[in-house]
PDB file of N, CA and C in Angstrom:
ATOM      1  N   UNK A   1     133.753  94.200  73.515  1.00  0.00           N
ATOM      2  CA  UNK A   1     133.609  95.645  73.685  1.00  0.00           C
ATOM      3  C   UNK A   1     133.725  95.992  75.158  1.00  0.00           C
ATOM      4  N   UNK A   2     134.522  96.979  75.433  1.00  0.00           N
ATOM      5  CA  UNK A   2     134.740  97.419  76.801  1.00  0.00           C
ATOM      6  C   UNK A   2     133.696  98.464  77.160  1.00  0.00           C
ATOM      7  N   UNK A   3     133.051  98.265  78.304  1.00  0.00           N
ATOM      8  CA  UNK A   3     132.001  99.189  78.736  1.00  0.00           C
ATOM      9  C   UNK A   3     132.480  99.922  79.972  1.00  0.00           C
ATOM     10  N   UNK A   4     132.412 101.229  79.944  1.00  0.00           N
ATOM     11  CA  UNK A   4     132.810 102.021  81.108  1.00  0.00           C
ATOM     12  C   UNK A   4     131.800 101.816  82.233  1.00  0.00           C
ATOM     13  N   UNK A   5     132.306 101.533  83.406  1.00  0.00           N
ATOM     14  CA  UNK A   5     131.433 101.375  84.566  1.00  0.00           C
ATOM     15  C   UNK A   5     131.563 102.643  85.404  1.00  0.00           C
ATOM     16  N   UNK A   6     130.496 103.409  85.449  1.00  0.00           N
ATOM     17  CA  UNK A   6     130.525 104.635  86.224  1.00  0.00           C
ATOM     18  C   UNK A   6     130.294 104.324  87.686  1.00  0.00           C
ATOM     19  N   UNK A   7     131.142 104.872  88.521  1.00  0.00           N
ATOM     20  CA  UNK A   7     130.987 104.658  89.957  1.00  0.00           C
ATOM     21  C   UNK A   7     129.831 105.525  90.440  1.00  0.00           C
ATOM     22  N   UNK A   8     128.906 104.881  91.119  1.00  0.00           N
ATOM     23  CA  UNK A   8     127.752 105.604  91.657  1.00  0.00           C
ATOM     24  C   UNK A   8     128.096 106.040  93.074  1.00  0.00           C
ATOM     25  N   UNK A   9     127.850 107.296  93.358  1.00  0.00           N
ATOM     26  CA  UNK A   9     128.168 107.837  94.686  1.00  0.00           C
ATOM     27  C   UNK A   9     127.379 107.124  95.770  1.00  0.00           C
ATOM     28  N   UNK A  10     128.009 106.974  96.927  1.00  0.00           N
ATOM     29  CA  UNK A  10     127.380 106.333  98.085  1.00  0.00           C
ATOM     30  C   UNK A  10     126.046 107.009  98.409  1.00  0.00           C
ATOM     31  N   UNK A  11     126.016 108.336  98.361  1.00  0.00           N
ATOM     32  CA  UNK A  11     124.780 109.071  98.670  1.00  0.00           C
ATOM     33  C   UNK A  11     123.635 108.616  97.766  1.00  0.00           C
ATOM     34  N   UNK A  12     123.935 108.490  96.466  1.00  0.00           N
ATOM     35  CA  UNK A  12     122.906 108.080  95.506  1.00  0.00           C
ATOM     36  C   UNK A  12     122.468 106.632  95.738  1.00  0.00           C
ATOM     37  N   UNK A  13     123.435 105.771  96.081  1.00  0.00           N
ATOM     38  CA  UNK A  13     123.096 104.376  96.388  1.00  0.00           C
ATOM     39  C   UNK A  13     122.164 104.314  97.595  1.00  0.00           C
ATOM     40  N   UNK A  14     122.467 105.115  98.600  1.00  0.00           N
ATOM     41  CA  UNK A  14     121.646 105.127  99.816  1.00  0.00           C
ATOM     42  C   UNK A  14     120.240 105.640  99.546  1.00  0.00           C
ATOM     43  N   UNK A  15     120.140 106.675  98.719  1.00  0.00           N
ATOM     44  CA  UNK A  15     118.819 107.220  98.355  1.00  0.00           C
ATOM     45  C   UNK A  15     118.004 106.154  97.622  1.00  0.00           C
ATOM     46  N   UNK A  16     118.639 105.520  96.625  1.00  0.00           N
ATOM     47  CA  UNK A  16     117.948 104.498  95.827  1.00  0.00           C
ATOM     48  C   UNK A  16     117.530 103.324  96.707  1.00  0.00           C
ATOM     49  N   UNK A  17     118.438 102.884  97.567  1.00  0.00           N
ATOM     50  CA  UNK A  17     118.127 101.753  98.443  1.00  0.00           C
ATOM     51  C   UNK A  17     116.939 102.077  99.345  1.00  0.00           C
ATOM     52  N   UNK A  18     116.947 103.288  99.898  1.00  0.00           N
ATOM     53  CA  UNK A  18     115.856 103.717 100.778  1.00  0.00           C
ATOM     54  C   UNK A  18     114.522 103.723 100.031  1.00  0.00           C
ATOM     55  N   UNK A  19     114.531 104.228  98.811  1.00  0.00           N
ATOM     56  CA  UNK A  19     113.308 104.260  98.006  1.00  0.00           C
ATOM     57  C   UNK A  19     112.840 102.844  97.676  1.00  0.00           C
ATOM     58  N   UNK A  20     113.773 101.987  97.299  1.00  0.00           N
ATOM     59  CA  UNK A  20     113.413 100.607  96.961  1.00  0.00           C
ATOM     60  C   UNK A  20     112.886  99.855  98.178  1.00  0.00           C
ATOM     61  N   UNK A  21     113.447 100.127  99.348  1.00  0.00           N
ATOM     62  CA  UNK A  21     112.951  99.484 100.570  1.00  0.00           C
ATOM     63  C   UNK A  21     111.501  99.879 100.841  1.00  0.00           C
ATOM     64  N   UNK A  22     111.163 101.139 100.574  1.00  0.00           N
ATOM     65  CA  UNK A  22     109.773 101.594 100.747  1.00  0.00           C
ATOM     66  C   UNK A  22     108.842 100.894  99.758  1.00  0.00           C
ATOM     67  N   UNK A  23     109.281 100.800  98.511  1.00  0.00           N
ATOM     68  CA  UNK A  23     108.476 100.120  97.487  1.00  0.00           C
ATOM     69  C   UNK A  23     108.314  98.647  97.844  1.00  0.00           C
ATOM     70  N   UNK A  24     109.398  98.022  98.311  1.00  0.00           N
ATOM     71  CA  UNK A  24     109.338  96.611  98.693  1.00  0.00           C
ATOM     72  C   UNK A  24     108.349  96.394  99.834  1.00  0.00           C
ATOM     73  N   UNK A  25     108.330  97.302 100.774  1.00  0.00           N
ATOM     74  CA  UNK A  25     107.386  97.205 101.895  1.00  0.00           C
ATOM     75  C   UNK A  25     105.943  97.289 101.380  1.00  0.00           C
ATOM     76  N   UNK A  26     105.700  98.186 100.419  1.00  0.00           N
ATOM     77  CA  UNK A  26     104.361  98.297  99.826  1.00  0.00           C
ATOM     78  C   UNK A  26     103.995  97.022  99.067  1.00  0.00           C
ATOM     79  N   UNK A  27     104.970  96.444  98.346  1.00  0.00           N
ATOM     80  CA  UNK A  27     104.725  95.205  97.608  1.00  0.00           C
ATOM     81  C   UNK A  27     104.350  94.082  98.568  1.00  0.00           C
ATOM     82  N   UNK A  28     104.978  94.050  99.733  1.00  0.00           N
ATOM     83  CA  UNK A  28     104.656  93.030 100.738  1.00  0.00           C
ATOM     84  C   UNK A  28     103.228  93.209 101.249  1.00  0.00           C
ATOM     85  N   UNK A  29     102.830  94.456 101.450  1.00  0.00           N
ATOM     86  CA  UNK A  29     101.444  94.732 101.870  1.00  0.00           C
ATOM     87  C   UNK A  29     100.467  94.279 100.792  1.00  0.00           C
ATOM     88  N   UNK A  30     100.805  94.559  99.544  1.00  0.00           N
ATOM     89  CA  UNK A  30      99.969  94.128  98.413  1.00  0.00           C
ATOM     90  C   UNK A  30      99.876  92.606  98.389  1.00  0.00           C
ATOM     91  N   UNK A  31     100.987  91.937  98.629  1.00  0.00           N
ATOM     92  CA  UNK A  31     101.007  90.476  98.638  1.00  0.00           C
ATOM     93  C   UNK A  31     100.022  89.926  99.669  1.00  0.00           C
ATOM     94  N   UNK A  32     100.041  90.491 100.870  1.00  0.00           N
ATOM     95  CA  UNK A  32      99.119  90.037 101.924  1.00  0.00           C
ATOM     96  C   UNK A  32      97.665  90.309 101.536  1.00  0.00           C
ATOM     97  N   UNK A  33      97.424  91.473 100.953  1.00  0.00           N
ATOM     98  CA  UNK A  33      96.060  91.839 100.547  1.00  0.00           C
ATOM     99  C   UNK A  33      95.551  90.896  99.459  1.00  0.00           C
ATOM    100  N   UNK A  34      96.383  90.637  98.457  1.00  0.00           N
ATOM    101  CA  UNK A  34      96.001  89.718  97.383  1.00  0.00           C
ATOM    102  C   UNK A  34      95.683  88.339  97.962  1.00  0.00           C
ATOM    103  N   UNK A  35      96.515  87.880  98.887  1.00  0.00           N
ATOM    104  CA  UNK A  35      96.297  86.563  99.486  1.00  0.00           C
ATOM    105  C   UNK A  35      94.992  86.532 100.273  1.00  0.00           C
ATOM    106  N   UNK A  36      94.700  87.597 101.003  1.00  0.00           N
ATOM    107  CA  UNK A  36      93.425  87.685 101.740  1.00  0.00           C
ATOM    108  C   UNK A  36      92.243  87.615 100.779  1.00  0.00           C
ATOM    109  N   UNK A  37      92.313  88.376  99.694  1.00  0.00           N
ATOM    110  CA  UNK A  37      91.228  88.381  98.711  1.00  0.00           C
ATOM    111  C   UNK A  37      91.062  86.997  98.088  1.00  0.00           C
ATOM    112  N   UNK A  38      92.186  86.353  97.777  1.00  0.00           N
ATOM    113  CA  UNK A  38      92.132  85.010  97.188  1.00  0.00           C
ATOM    114  C   UNK A  38      91.405  84.050  98.133  1.00  0.00           C
ATOM    115  N   UNK A  39      91.693  84.135  99.406  1.00  0.00           N
ATOM    116  CA  UNK A  39      91.061  83.247 100.394  1.00  0.00           C
ATOM    117  C   UNK A  39      89.563  83.509 100.525  1.00  0.00           C
ATOM    118  N   UNK A  40      89.144  84.754 100.283  1.00  0.00           N
ATOM    119  CA  UNK A  40      87.725  85.124 100.374  1.00  0.00           C
ATOM    120  C   UNK A  40      86.958  84.763  99.096  1.00  0.00           C
ATOM    121  N   UNK A  41      87.693  84.513  98.017  1.00  0.00           N
ATOM    122  CA  UNK A  41      87.083  84.297  96.703  1.00  0.00           C
ATOM    123  C   UNK A  41      86.603  82.861  96.552  1.00  0.00           C
ATOM    124  N   UNK A  42      85.398  82.702  96.044  1.00  0.00           N
ATOM    125  CA  UNK A  42      84.813  81.365  95.869  1.00  0.00           C
ATOM    126  C   UNK A  42      84.948  80.846  94.439  1.00  0.00           C
ATOM    127  N   UNK A  43      84.957  81.749  93.478  1.00  0.00           N
ATOM    128  CA  UNK A  43      84.990  81.346  92.066  1.00  0.00           C
ATOM    129  C   UNK A  43      86.414  80.906  91.680  1.00  0.00           C
ATOM    130  N   UNK A  44      86.581  79.655  91.229  1.00  0.00           N
ATOM    131  CA  UNK A  44      87.919  79.151  90.888  1.00  0.00           C
ATOM    132  C   UNK A  44      88.685  80.007  89.875  1.00  0.00           C
ATOM    133  N   UNK A  45      87.990  80.490  88.867  1.00  0.00           N
ATOM    134  CA  UNK A  45      88.650  81.335  87.860  1.00  0.00           C
ATOM    135  C   UNK A  45      89.221  82.600  88.504  1.00  0.00           C
ATOM    136  N   UNK A  46      88.479  83.168  89.448  1.00  0.00           N
ATOM    137  CA  UNK A  46      88.936  84.374  90.143  1.00  0.00           C
ATOM    138  C   UNK A  46      90.092  84.045  91.081  1.00  0.00           C
ATOM    139  N   UNK A  47      90.000  82.900  91.760  1.00  0.00           N
ATOM    140  CA  UNK A  47      91.102  82.461  92.626  1.00  0.00           C
ATOM    141  C   UNK A  47      92.395  82.329  91.826  1.00  0.00           C
ATOM    142  N   UNK A  48      92.259  81.762  90.659  1.00  0.00           N
ATOM    143  CA  UNK A  48      93.417  81.568  89.785  1.00  0.00           C
ATOM    144  C   UNK A  48      94.025  82.911  89.380  1.00  0.00           C
ATOM    145  N   UNK A  49      93.165  83.885  89.107  1.00  0.00           N
ATOM    146  CA  UNK A  49      93.666  85.212  88.748  1.00  0.00           C
ATOM    147  C   UNK A  49      94.419  85.845  89.922  1.00  0.00           C
ATOM    148  N   UNK A  50      93.869  85.704  91.135  1.00  0.00           N
ATOM    149  CA  UNK A  50      94.572  86.215  92.325  1.00  0.00           C
ATOM    150  C   UNK A  50      95.944  85.560  92.448  1.00  0.00           C
ATOM    151  N   UNK A  51      95.997  84.254  92.200  1.00  0.00           N
ATOM    152  CA  UNK A  51      97.269  83.531  92.274  1.00  0.00           C
ATOM    153  C   UNK A  51      98.273  84.079  91.261  1.00  0.00           C
ATOM    154  N   UNK A  52      97.779  84.347  90.062  1.00  0.00           N
ATOM    155  CA  UNK A  52      98.627  84.893  89.003  1.00  0.00           C
ATOM    156  C   UNK A  52      99.172  86.264  89.411  1.00  0.00           C
ATOM    157  N   UNK A  53      98.299  87.103  89.942  1.00  0.00           N
ATOM    158  CA  UNK A  53      98.744  88.425  90.409  1.00  0.00           C
ATOM    159  C   UNK A  53      99.791  88.290  91.505  1.00  0.00           C
ATOM    160  N   UNK A  54      99.542  87.350  92.406  1.00  0.00           N
ATOM    161  CA  UNK A  54     100.464  87.153  93.519  1.00  0.00           C
ATOM    162  C   UNK A  54     101.830  86.669  93.023  1.00  0.00           C
ATOM    163  N   UNK A  55     101.822  85.750  92.068  1.00  0.00           N
ATOM    164  CA  UNK A  55     103.074  85.259  91.486  1.00  0.00           C
ATOM    165  C   UNK A  55     103.864  86.393  90.849  1.00  0.00           C
ATOM    166  N   UNK A  56     103.166  87.239  90.104  1.00  0.00           N
ATOM    167  CA  UNK A  56     103.824  88.392  89.475  1.00  0.00           C
ATOM    168  C   UNK A  56     104.387  89.340  90.525  1.00  0.00           C
ATOM    169  N   UNK A  57     103.643  89.542  91.586  1.00  0.00           N
ATOM    170  CA  UNK A  57     104.086  90.436  92.654  1.00  0.00           C
ATOM    171  C   UNK A  57     105.325  89.875  93.355  1.00  0.00           C
ATOM    172  N   UNK A  58     105.337  88.570  93.584  1.00  0.00           N
ATOM    173  CA  UNK A  58     106.502  87.931  94.208  1.00  0.00           C
ATOM    174  C   UNK A  58     107.725  88.077  93.298  1.00  0.00           C
ATOM    175  N   UNK A  59     107.519  87.910  92.007  1.00  0.00           N
ATOM    176  CA  UNK A  59     108.615  88.113  91.042  1.00  0.00           C
ATOM    177  C   UNK A  59     109.157  89.535  91.139  1.00  0.00           C
ATOM    178  N   UNK A  60     108.258  90.500  91.241  1.00  0.00           N
ATOM    179  CA  UNK A  60     108.660  91.905  91.366  1.00  0.00           C
ATOM    180  C   UNK A  60     109.466  92.126  92.644  1.00  0.00           C
ATOM    181  N   UNK A  61     109.017  91.551  93.753  1.00  0.00           N
ATOM    182  CA  UNK A  61     109.743  91.701  95.017  1.00  0.00           C
ATOM    183  C   UNK A  61     111.144  91.102  94.920  1.00  0.00           C
ATOM    184  N   UNK A  62     111.258  89.956  94.270  1.00  0.00           N
ATOM    185  CA  UNK A  62     112.577  89.327  94.114  1.00  0.00           C
ATOM    186  C   UNK A  62     113.485  90.180  93.229  1.00  0.00           C
ATOM    187  N   UNK A  63     112.910  90.753  92.184  1.00  0.00           N
ATOM    188  CA  UNK A  63     113.671  91.621  91.285  1.00  0.00           C
ATOM    189  C   UNK A  63     114.184  92.849  92.045  1.00  0.00           C
ATOM    190  N   UNK A  64     113.320  93.456  92.847  1.00  0.00           N
ATOM    191  CA  UNK A  64     113.709  94.600  93.676  1.00  0.00           C
ATOM    192  C   UNK A  64     114.845  94.237  94.622  1.00  0.00           C
ATOM    193  N   UNK A  65     114.699  93.108  95.291  1.00  0.00           N
ATOM    194  CA  UNK A  65     115.711  92.664  96.256  1.00  0.00           C
ATOM    195  C   UNK A  65     117.058  92.426  95.586  1.00  0.00           C
ATOM    196  N   UNK A  66     117.034  91.761  94.446  1.00  0.00           N
ATOM    197  CA  UNK A  66     118.289  91.485  93.719  1.00  0.00           C
ATOM    198  C   UNK A  66     118.962  92.784  93.288  1.00  0.00           C
ATOM    199  N   UNK A  67     118.169  93.731  92.805  1.00  0.00           N
ATOM    200  CA  UNK A  67     118.732  95.002  92.363  1.00  0.00           C
ATOM    201  C   UNK A  67     119.368  95.741  93.541  1.00  0.00           C
ATOM    202  N   UNK A  68     118.678  95.745  94.678  1.00  0.00           N
ATOM    203  CA  UNK A  68     119.224  96.403  95.879  1.00  0.00           C
ATOM    204  C   UNK A  68     120.580  95.815  96.253  1.00  0.00           C
ATOM    205  N   UNK A  69     120.685  94.502  96.221  1.00  0.00           N
ATOM    206  CA  UNK A  69     121.931  93.832  96.603  1.00  0.00           C
ATOM    207  C   UNK A  69     123.037  94.150  95.603  1.00  0.00           C
ATOM    208  N   UNK A  70     122.704  94.089  94.299  1.00  0.00           N
ATOM    209  CA  UNK A  70     123.710  94.291  93.257  1.00  0.00           C
ATOM    210  C   UNK A  70     124.129  95.747  93.101  1.00  0.00           C
ATOM    211  N   UNK A  71     123.158  96.640  93.129  1.00  0.00           N
ATOM    212  CA  UNK A  71     123.427  98.020  92.710  1.00  0.00           C
ATOM    213  C   UNK A  71     123.449  99.055  93.837  1.00  0.00           C
ATOM    214  N   UNK A  72     122.908  98.680  94.999  1.00  0.00           N
ATOM    215  CA  UNK A  72     122.810  99.670  96.088  1.00  0.00           C
ATOM    216  C   UNK A  72     123.461  99.123  97.358  1.00  0.00           C
ATOM    217  N   UNK A  73     124.382  98.184  97.164  1.00  0.00           N
ATOM    218  CA  UNK A  73     124.986  97.535  98.324  1.00  0.00           C
ATOM    219  C   UNK A  73     125.658  98.551  99.246  1.00  0.00           C
ATOM    220  N   UNK A  74     125.642  98.245 100.503  1.00  0.00           N
ATOM    221  CA  UNK A  74     126.214  99.168 101.497  1.00  0.00           C
ATOM    222  C   UNK A  74     127.717  99.023 101.540  1.00  0.00           C
TER     223      UNK A  74
END
């Protein structure tokens, strides 16, 4: 099946990229905060939960980065 690929205007790509860069910056701040909390945490079960959150956050950052490269390239 042939799928029509709609060309996205440069302006829209730039807007999306700018928004994603802001979100990515916030995700990085969250990553540092989660890591700080994990280091302060004494209970192993809680440490493990922080690690899980951090892993999910890293996955999200990678997903954002890949999308920016694929769909909002300059």
